[in-house]
Protein backbone atom coordinates (compact mmCIF):
# COMPACT_ATOMS: atom_id res chain seq x y z
CA MET A 1 14.96 -11.55 24.85
CA GLU A 2 13.30 -8.58 26.26
CA ARG A 3 11.86 -5.90 24.51
CA GLU A 4 13.14 -2.13 25.66
CA ILE A 5 10.75 0.71 24.58
CA LEU A 6 12.93 3.84 24.01
CA PHE A 7 10.03 6.25 23.09
CA ASP A 8 6.40 5.96 23.07
CA ASN A 9 3.60 8.14 21.75
CA GLN A 10 0.30 7.50 20.44
CA TRP A 11 1.56 6.77 16.82
CA ILE A 12 5.05 5.03 17.13
CA GLN A 13 7.54 3.19 19.40
CA MET A 14 11.24 2.85 19.21
CA CYS A 15 12.19 -0.35 20.78
CA LYS A 16 15.29 -1.98 21.46
CA ILE A 17 16.13 -5.89 22.10
CA ASP A 18 19.86 -6.42 22.90
CA ASP A 19 21.34 -3.94 20.82
CA TYR A 20 19.09 -3.97 17.82
CA VAL A 21 16.92 -0.74 17.63
CA PHE A 22 13.73 -0.95 15.42
CA SER A 23 10.43 0.80 15.18
CA HIS A 24 6.73 -0.33 15.97
CA GLU A 25 3.99 1.46 14.16
CA LYS A 26 1.75 1.61 17.44
CA ARG A 27 -1.30 3.42 15.55
CA CYS A 28 -1.78 0.23 13.93
CA ASN A 29 -0.30 -2.28 15.93
CA GLY A 30 2.47 -3.04 13.28
CA LYS A 31 0.01 -4.01 10.58
CA ILE A 32 -0.64 -2.24 7.37
CA VAL A 33 -2.45 -3.26 3.87
CA ALA A 34 -1.54 -2.26 0.48
CA ILE A 35 -3.54 -2.55 -2.52
CA PHE A 36 -2.46 -2.87 -6.35
CA PRO A 37 -5.69 -2.27 -8.49
CA PHE A 38 -4.92 -3.28 -12.27
CA ILE A 39 -6.48 -4.16 -15.39
CA PRO A 40 -4.72 -7.42 -17.09
CA GLU A 41 -5.47 -6.83 -20.57
CA PRO A 42 -3.95 -4.30 -21.95
CA PHE A 43 -2.21 -3.98 -18.75
CA GLN A 44 -2.73 -0.65 -16.74
CA TYR A 45 -2.51 0.07 -12.93
CA LEU A 46 -3.90 2.36 -10.84
CA ALA A 47 -1.40 4.81 -9.47
CA ARG A 48 -1.97 6.60 -6.20
CA MET A 49 -0.54 10.20 -6.37
CA GLU A 50 -0.08 11.89 -2.97
CA ALA A 51 2.54 14.08 -1.19
CA THR A 52 4.60 12.54 1.55
CA PRO A 53 6.22 15.57 3.25
CA CYS A 54 8.55 12.98 5.12
CA ILE A 55 10.32 12.25 1.65
CA GLU A 56 9.62 15.08 -0.70
CA ASN A 57 8.05 17.80 1.08
CA ASP A 58 4.69 18.65 -0.57
CA LYS A 59 5.56 17.35 -4.08
CA ILE A 60 2.71 14.70 -5.34
CA ARG A 61 4.74 11.69 -5.90
CA PHE A 62 3.58 8.14 -7.08
CA CYS A 63 2.51 5.77 -3.59
CA SER A 64 0.86 2.46 -2.60
CA ILE A 65 -2.71 2.75 -1.68
CA THR A 66 -2.12 1.82 2.14
CA GLY A 67 -3.80 1.89 5.37
CA GLY A 68 -3.30 0.87 8.85
CA VAL A 69 -5.21 -2.25 9.73
CA GLU A 70 -8.60 -1.80 11.50
CA HIS A 71 -10.13 -4.05 14.16
CA ASP A 72 -7.40 -6.66 13.33
CA ASP A 73 -9.11 -7.55 10.04
CA PRO A 74 -6.63 -7.01 6.88
CA VAL A 75 -9.21 -7.94 4.12
CA ALA A 76 -11.76 -5.54 5.76
CA THR A 77 -9.21 -2.76 5.76
CA ALA A 78 -8.06 -3.07 2.27
CA ILE A 79 -11.80 -2.76 1.26
CA LEU A 80 -12.22 0.26 3.12
CA GLU A 81 -8.95 1.69 1.97
CA LEU A 82 -9.60 1.17 -1.64
CA GLN A 83 -12.84 3.18 -1.36
CA GLU A 84 -11.22 5.76 0.68
CA GLU A 85 -8.13 6.31 -1.39
CA ALA A 86 -9.49 5.24 -4.69
CA GLY A 87 -13.15 5.49 -5.09
CA ILE A 88 -13.78 1.67 -5.87
CA ILE A 89 -16.22 -0.53 -4.44
CA ALA A 90 -14.82 -4.00 -3.84
CA GLU A 91 -16.05 -7.22 -2.45
CA LYS A 92 -13.89 -9.94 0.03
CA HIS A 93 -13.94 -12.44 -3.18
CA GLU A 94 -12.44 -10.01 -5.47
CA LEU A 95 -9.25 -9.34 -3.51
CA ILE A 96 -6.15 -11.44 -4.52
CA LYS A 97 -3.95 -12.45 -1.54
CA LEU A 98 -0.28 -11.60 -2.52
CA GLY A 99 1.25 -12.45 1.07
CA ILE A 100 2.94 -10.64 3.75
CA VAL A 101 6.15 -8.42 3.43
CA ASN A 102 8.06 -6.41 6.36
CA PRO A 103 9.42 -3.32 4.40
CA SER A 104 12.29 -2.83 6.32
CA LYS A 105 14.87 -4.60 8.93
CA SER A 106 14.63 -1.45 11.20
CA GLN A 107 10.90 -1.90 11.83
CA ASP A 108 8.81 -4.72 12.91
CA THR A 109 5.48 -3.51 10.65
CA GLU A 110 3.65 -6.17 8.40
CA VAL A 111 2.19 -5.28 5.31
CA TYR A 112 -0.65 -7.40 3.90
CA LEU A 113 -0.42 -6.90 0.25
CA PHE A 114 -3.42 -7.62 -2.08
CA GLY A 115 -4.29 -7.05 -5.69
CA ILE A 116 -7.70 -6.74 -7.28
CA ASP A 117 -8.82 -6.57 -11.14
CA ILE A 118 -10.61 -3.60 -11.81
CA THR A 119 -11.42 -4.28 -15.35
CA ASN A 120 -15.35 -3.70 -14.77
CA LYS A 121 -15.24 -1.61 -11.86
CA GLU A 122 -16.19 1.98 -11.67
CA ILE A 123 -13.78 4.38 -10.14
CA GLY A 124 -15.88 6.64 -8.29
CA LYS A 125 -14.99 9.60 -5.99
CA ALA A 126 -12.27 8.72 -3.25
CA THR A 127 -14.07 9.58 0.01
CA GLY A 128 -10.54 10.07 1.78
CA ASP A 129 -9.99 9.73 5.54
CA GLY A 130 -10.62 13.50 6.29
CA SER A 131 -6.55 13.94 6.54
CA GLU A 132 -4.88 17.34 4.92
CA HIS A 133 -2.66 15.20 2.41
CA ASP A 134 -5.68 13.64 1.34
CA LYS A 135 -7.44 16.41 0.07
CA ASN A 136 -4.74 17.04 -2.78
CA ALA A 137 -4.24 13.56 -3.39
CA PHE A 138 -5.94 11.70 -6.31
CA CYS A 139 -5.45 8.16 -8.31
CA LYS A 140 -5.19 7.79 -12.07
CA MET A 141 -4.75 5.00 -14.63
CA MET A 142 -1.22 4.18 -15.93
CA ASN A 143 0.35 2.09 -18.40
CA ASP A 144 3.90 3.24 -18.23
CA ILE A 145 5.95 0.05 -16.70
CA TYR A 146 9.03 2.19 -16.23
CA ALA A 147 7.25 4.57 -13.89
CA LEU A 148 6.28 1.38 -11.85
CA VAL A 149 9.96 -0.10 -11.69
CA GLY A 150 11.04 3.38 -10.78
CA CYS A 151 8.39 4.05 -8.09
CA LYS A 152 10.16 4.93 -4.96
CA ASP A 153 7.42 3.22 -3.18
CA PRO A 154 8.60 -0.43 -3.36
CA LEU A 155 5.34 -1.93 -2.34
CA ASN A 156 3.64 -1.09 -5.75
CA LEU A 157 6.53 -3.18 -7.30
CA VAL A 158 6.36 -6.25 -4.96
CA MET A 159 2.69 -6.49 -5.53
CA PHE A 160 2.95 -6.20 -9.48
CA LEU A 161 5.84 -8.78 -9.56
CA ARG A 162 3.55 -10.92 -7.28
CA LEU A 163 0.84 -10.63 -9.56
CA ALA A 164 2.69 -11.15 -12.55
CA LEU A 165 4.02 -14.62 -11.41
CA LEU A 166 0.51 -15.63 -9.94
CA LYS A 167 -1.66 -14.38 -13.05
CA ARG A 168 1.32 -14.97 -15.65
CA ILE A 169 1.55 -11.31 -16.96
CA ASP A 170 4.23 -11.47 -19.66
CA ILE A 171 6.23 -8.72 -18.18
CA GLY A 172 8.64 -8.82 -21.48
CA LYS A 173 5.47 -7.57 -23.52
CA LEU A 174 5.42 -4.59 -21.52
CA LEU A 175 8.79 -3.26 -21.76
C-alpha cells in the first residue's frame, strides 16, 4: 500500500492509502507527548486551562499538557513541556509511562502518555513557548472528578484511568 500525499505544508499532511484519507502531523513527525500531573492523597490533578480556537474560539477550557516530540525523545519532550506549560521541574525517573495512544483513526499521530506525582513539587512560573495562546493559558489544581470525566480533551481521562489502574487509585472514593 502506497501513501499518496493529498496536501502538504510545514505543519500537516493529508494522506491517502487506497480509499482511506487521514492526517499526519508533520511538525512533530506524528509524535506528541501528554502529561498528567497529580497528587494521590487526597487526589488532585493539575489542569491546563487554555484557549483552543479550532474548538471554542478564544474560550479558556480544560486541556492536556501536550507538545510535539522534539529530537525523537518523548521523555525529554515531556520534561520540557511540563516546565513550559506548568512551571514544574521534573527528572526522567519521576515520569510514569502510561503507554501510547492514537487519538483518532483519522490521523496517524501517536501520543506518548505520562503521569507524574507532584506531591513534593513546586509549581513555578510556566515559561511558555512564546505562542499567542500561551500568554493567557494557566494551570490550576483541581479535585473535581466530574470535571475530569466531562473534559472534552480525552487524553486527560485516559491518563487518569491508566494511573488509577497502575497506582490502585480508588475511583469510587472520588465520586
